[in-house]
N, C-alpha and C. Protein backbone atom coordinates (compact mmCIF):
# COMPACT_ATOMS: atom_id res chain seq x y z
N MET A 1 -13.61 14.78 11.93
CA MET A 1 -14.59 14.56 12.98
C MET A 1 -15.90 14.14 12.35
N THR A 2 -16.62 13.28 13.03
CA THR A 2 -17.89 12.80 12.49
C THR A 2 -19.03 13.63 13.04
N LYS A 3 -20.10 13.67 12.28
CA LYS A 3 -21.29 14.38 12.73
C LYS A 3 -22.04 13.52 13.73
N PRO A 4 -22.76 14.13 14.64
CA PRO A 4 -23.54 13.33 15.59
C PRO A 4 -24.49 12.40 14.86
N GLY A 5 -24.59 11.19 15.35
CA GLY A 5 -25.50 10.22 14.77
C GLY A 5 -24.88 9.40 13.65
N LYS A 6 -23.68 9.76 13.20
CA LYS A 6 -23.00 8.98 12.16
C LYS A 6 -21.82 8.26 12.77
N LYS A 7 -21.65 7.02 12.36
CA LYS A 7 -20.54 6.23 12.88
C LYS A 7 -19.38 6.29 11.90
N ARG A 8 -18.18 6.27 12.45
CA ARG A 8 -16.98 6.23 11.66
C ARG A 8 -16.73 4.82 11.15
N ALA A 9 -16.20 4.72 9.94
CA ALA A 9 -15.82 3.41 9.41
C ALA A 9 -14.57 2.93 10.13
N ARG A 10 -14.52 1.66 10.42
CA ARG A 10 -13.35 1.11 11.08
C ARG A 10 -12.24 0.88 10.07
N ALA A 11 -11.01 1.00 10.54
CA ALA A 11 -9.86 0.73 9.69
C ALA A 11 -9.75 -0.78 9.48
N ALA A 12 -9.21 -1.16 8.32
CA ALA A 12 -9.03 -2.59 8.03
C ALA A 12 -8.04 -3.19 9.01
N SER A 13 -8.28 -4.43 9.38
CA SER A 13 -7.37 -5.10 10.30
C SER A 13 -6.09 -5.45 9.57
N GLY A 14 -5.03 -5.67 10.30
CA GLY A 14 -3.73 -5.98 9.74
C GLY A 14 -3.53 -7.46 9.50
N VAL A 15 -4.58 -8.21 9.24
CA VAL A 15 -4.46 -9.63 9.01
C VAL A 15 -3.79 -9.86 7.67
N ALA A 16 -2.74 -10.67 7.66
CA ALA A 16 -1.99 -10.91 6.43
C ALA A 16 -2.60 -12.05 5.63
N GLY A 17 -2.61 -11.89 4.31
CA GLY A 17 -3.02 -12.95 3.40
C GLY A 17 -4.50 -13.19 3.38
N GLY A 18 -4.93 -13.93 2.37
CA GLY A 18 -6.32 -14.32 2.26
C GLY A 18 -7.22 -13.16 1.88
N SER A 19 -8.47 -13.50 1.60
CA SER A 19 -9.45 -12.48 1.25
C SER A 19 -9.90 -11.75 2.50
N ARG A 20 -10.08 -10.49 2.39
CA ARG A 20 -10.54 -9.70 3.53
C ARG A 20 -11.98 -9.27 3.35
N GLY A 21 -12.69 -9.97 2.48
CA GLY A 21 -14.10 -9.66 2.28
C GLY A 21 -14.31 -8.35 1.56
N GLU A 22 -13.52 -8.11 0.51
CA GLU A 22 -13.66 -6.87 -0.24
C GLU A 22 -15.02 -6.82 -0.93
N GLU A 23 -15.54 -5.64 -1.02
CA GLU A 23 -16.77 -5.40 -1.76
C GLU A 23 -16.42 -5.41 -3.25
N PRO A 24 -17.35 -5.72 -4.11
CA PRO A 24 -17.07 -5.67 -5.55
C PRO A 24 -16.56 -4.30 -5.97
N GLY A 25 -15.53 -4.28 -6.78
CA GLY A 25 -14.97 -3.02 -7.26
C GLY A 25 -13.91 -2.43 -6.35
N GLU A 26 -13.67 -3.03 -5.19
CA GLU A 26 -12.65 -2.51 -4.27
C GLU A 26 -11.25 -2.90 -4.68
N GLY A 27 -11.09 -3.96 -5.45
CA GLY A 27 -9.77 -4.45 -5.78
C GLY A 27 -9.25 -5.31 -4.65
N GLY A 28 -8.23 -6.05 -4.94
CA GLY A 28 -7.68 -6.95 -3.94
C GLY A 28 -6.41 -6.41 -3.33
N VAL A 29 -5.80 -7.24 -2.52
CA VAL A 29 -4.57 -6.88 -1.83
C VAL A 29 -3.46 -6.57 -2.83
N ASP A 30 -3.33 -7.41 -3.85
CA ASP A 30 -2.27 -7.19 -4.83
C ASP A 30 -2.45 -5.86 -5.57
N GLU A 31 -3.69 -5.53 -5.89
CA GLU A 31 -3.95 -4.26 -6.57
C GLU A 31 -3.60 -3.08 -5.66
N ALA A 32 -3.92 -3.20 -4.40
CA ALA A 32 -3.61 -2.13 -3.44
C ALA A 32 -2.10 -1.95 -3.30
N VAL A 33 -1.38 -3.06 -3.19
CA VAL A 33 0.08 -2.98 -3.03
C VAL A 33 0.72 -2.42 -4.29
N ALA A 34 0.23 -2.81 -5.47
CA ALA A 34 0.76 -2.28 -6.72
C ALA A 34 0.53 -0.77 -6.81
N PHE A 35 -0.64 -0.32 -6.39
CA PHE A 35 -0.95 1.11 -6.38
C PHE A 35 -0.03 1.86 -5.42
N ILE A 36 0.16 1.30 -4.24
CA ILE A 36 1.04 1.93 -3.25
C ILE A 36 2.46 2.02 -3.80
N ALA A 37 2.95 0.95 -4.40
CA ALA A 37 4.31 0.95 -4.95
C ALA A 37 4.47 2.04 -6.00
N GLU A 38 3.47 2.17 -6.86
CA GLU A 38 3.51 3.19 -7.92
C GLU A 38 3.53 4.60 -7.34
N GLN A 39 2.66 4.86 -6.38
CA GLN A 39 2.55 6.19 -5.79
C GLN A 39 3.80 6.54 -4.97
N VAL A 40 4.31 5.56 -4.25
CA VAL A 40 5.51 5.79 -3.45
C VAL A 40 6.70 6.10 -4.36
N GLY A 41 6.75 5.44 -5.51
CA GLY A 41 7.82 5.74 -6.47
C GLY A 41 7.79 7.19 -6.90
N ALA A 42 6.60 7.70 -7.18
CA ALA A 42 6.47 9.11 -7.58
C ALA A 42 6.83 10.04 -6.43
N LEU A 43 6.40 9.71 -5.23
CA LEU A 43 6.73 10.54 -4.07
C LEU A 43 8.23 10.52 -3.78
N ARG A 44 8.85 9.38 -4.00
CA ARG A 44 10.30 9.27 -3.78
C ARG A 44 11.06 10.20 -4.73
N LYS A 45 10.64 10.23 -5.99
CA LYS A 45 11.27 11.13 -6.96
C LYS A 45 11.10 12.59 -6.54
N LEU A 46 9.93 12.92 -6.03
CA LEU A 46 9.67 14.28 -5.57
C LEU A 46 10.57 14.63 -4.38
N ALA A 47 10.70 13.71 -3.45
CA ALA A 47 11.57 13.93 -2.29
C ALA A 47 13.03 14.11 -2.72
N GLU A 48 13.46 13.31 -3.70
CA GLU A 48 14.84 13.43 -4.20
C GLU A 48 15.06 14.79 -4.87
N ARG A 49 14.10 15.20 -5.67
CA ARG A 49 14.21 16.48 -6.39
C ARG A 49 14.36 17.65 -5.42
N HIS A 50 13.72 17.55 -4.27
CA HIS A 50 13.77 18.64 -3.29
C HIS A 50 14.78 18.39 -2.17
N LYS A 51 15.64 17.40 -2.39
CA LYS A 51 16.73 17.08 -1.46
C LYS A 51 16.23 16.78 -0.04
N LEU A 52 15.14 16.04 0.03
CA LEU A 52 14.58 15.60 1.31
C LEU A 52 15.11 14.18 1.55
N ASP A 53 16.36 14.12 2.01
CA ASP A 53 17.09 12.86 2.07
C ASP A 53 16.44 11.78 2.92
N VAL A 54 15.95 12.14 4.09
CA VAL A 54 15.35 11.14 4.97
C VAL A 54 14.06 10.61 4.37
N LEU A 55 13.23 11.50 3.83
CA LEU A 55 12.00 11.07 3.17
C LEU A 55 12.30 10.20 1.95
N HIS A 56 13.31 10.60 1.19
CA HIS A 56 13.72 9.83 0.02
C HIS A 56 14.10 8.41 0.44
N TYR A 57 14.87 8.29 1.49
CA TYR A 57 15.29 6.99 2.00
C TYR A 57 14.09 6.16 2.48
N LEU A 58 13.25 6.76 3.31
CA LEU A 58 12.10 6.03 3.86
C LEU A 58 11.13 5.59 2.77
N LEU A 59 10.89 6.45 1.80
CA LEU A 59 10.01 6.09 0.69
C LEU A 59 10.63 4.98 -0.16
N GLY A 60 11.94 5.00 -0.28
CA GLY A 60 12.64 3.92 -0.98
C GLY A 60 12.46 2.59 -0.28
N MET A 61 12.55 2.60 1.04
CA MET A 61 12.34 1.38 1.82
C MET A 61 10.90 0.89 1.67
N THR A 62 9.96 1.82 1.65
CA THR A 62 8.55 1.46 1.47
C THR A 62 8.33 0.83 0.11
N LYS A 63 8.95 1.40 -0.93
CA LYS A 63 8.82 0.84 -2.28
C LYS A 63 9.42 -0.56 -2.33
N LEU A 64 10.58 -0.75 -1.72
CA LEU A 64 11.19 -2.09 -1.68
C LEU A 64 10.26 -3.09 -1.01
N GLU A 65 9.65 -2.70 0.08
CA GLU A 65 8.73 -3.58 0.81
C GLU A 65 7.52 -3.95 -0.06
N ALA A 66 6.95 -2.97 -0.73
CA ALA A 66 5.79 -3.22 -1.59
C ALA A 66 6.18 -4.13 -2.76
N ASP A 67 7.32 -3.86 -3.38
CA ASP A 67 7.78 -4.70 -4.49
C ASP A 67 8.04 -6.13 -4.04
N GLU A 68 8.63 -6.29 -2.88
CA GLU A 68 8.90 -7.62 -2.33
C GLU A 68 7.59 -8.36 -2.05
N HIS A 69 6.61 -7.66 -1.52
CA HIS A 69 5.30 -8.26 -1.26
C HIS A 69 4.70 -8.80 -2.56
N LEU A 70 4.75 -7.98 -3.61
CA LEU A 70 4.20 -8.40 -4.90
C LEU A 70 4.98 -9.57 -5.47
N ARG A 71 6.29 -9.54 -5.33
CA ARG A 71 7.13 -10.64 -5.85
C ARG A 71 6.79 -11.95 -5.16
N LEU A 72 6.67 -11.90 -3.84
CA LEU A 72 6.36 -13.12 -3.10
C LEU A 72 4.96 -13.62 -3.39
N ARG A 73 4.00 -12.72 -3.54
CA ARG A 73 2.62 -13.13 -3.84
C ARG A 73 2.55 -13.79 -5.21
N SER A 74 3.26 -13.23 -6.21
CA SER A 74 3.21 -13.82 -7.54
C SER A 74 3.94 -15.16 -7.56
N LYS A 75 4.98 -15.29 -6.76
CA LYS A 75 5.72 -16.54 -6.67
C LYS A 75 4.81 -17.64 -6.07
N ARG A 76 4.02 -17.29 -5.03
CA ARG A 76 3.11 -18.25 -4.42
C ARG A 76 2.02 -18.68 -5.39
N LYS A 77 1.55 -17.73 -6.21
CA LYS A 77 0.49 -18.05 -7.16
C LYS A 77 0.96 -19.02 -8.24
N LEU A 78 2.26 -18.97 -8.58
CA LEU A 78 2.80 -19.87 -9.58
C LEU A 78 2.96 -21.29 -9.05
N SER A 79 3.08 -21.42 -7.74
CA SER A 79 3.29 -22.74 -7.14
C SER A 79 2.04 -23.58 -7.11
């Protein structure tokens, strides 16, 4: 909850591709996706260790999506 007189920051829009006007030091889309892929991989291992099958599956799908995004972005950059 926000304190009176303070405004909440808006969530980033879901616009795909291109620069989103990041501030210096924020990193870009590729850096964010790489970070997400790395963290999801660790969470997936944790879910597997504790036999949380549905979470393990969903986190695996999330990791695949992030990896695919990075693969396609790097492929476009080479073209």
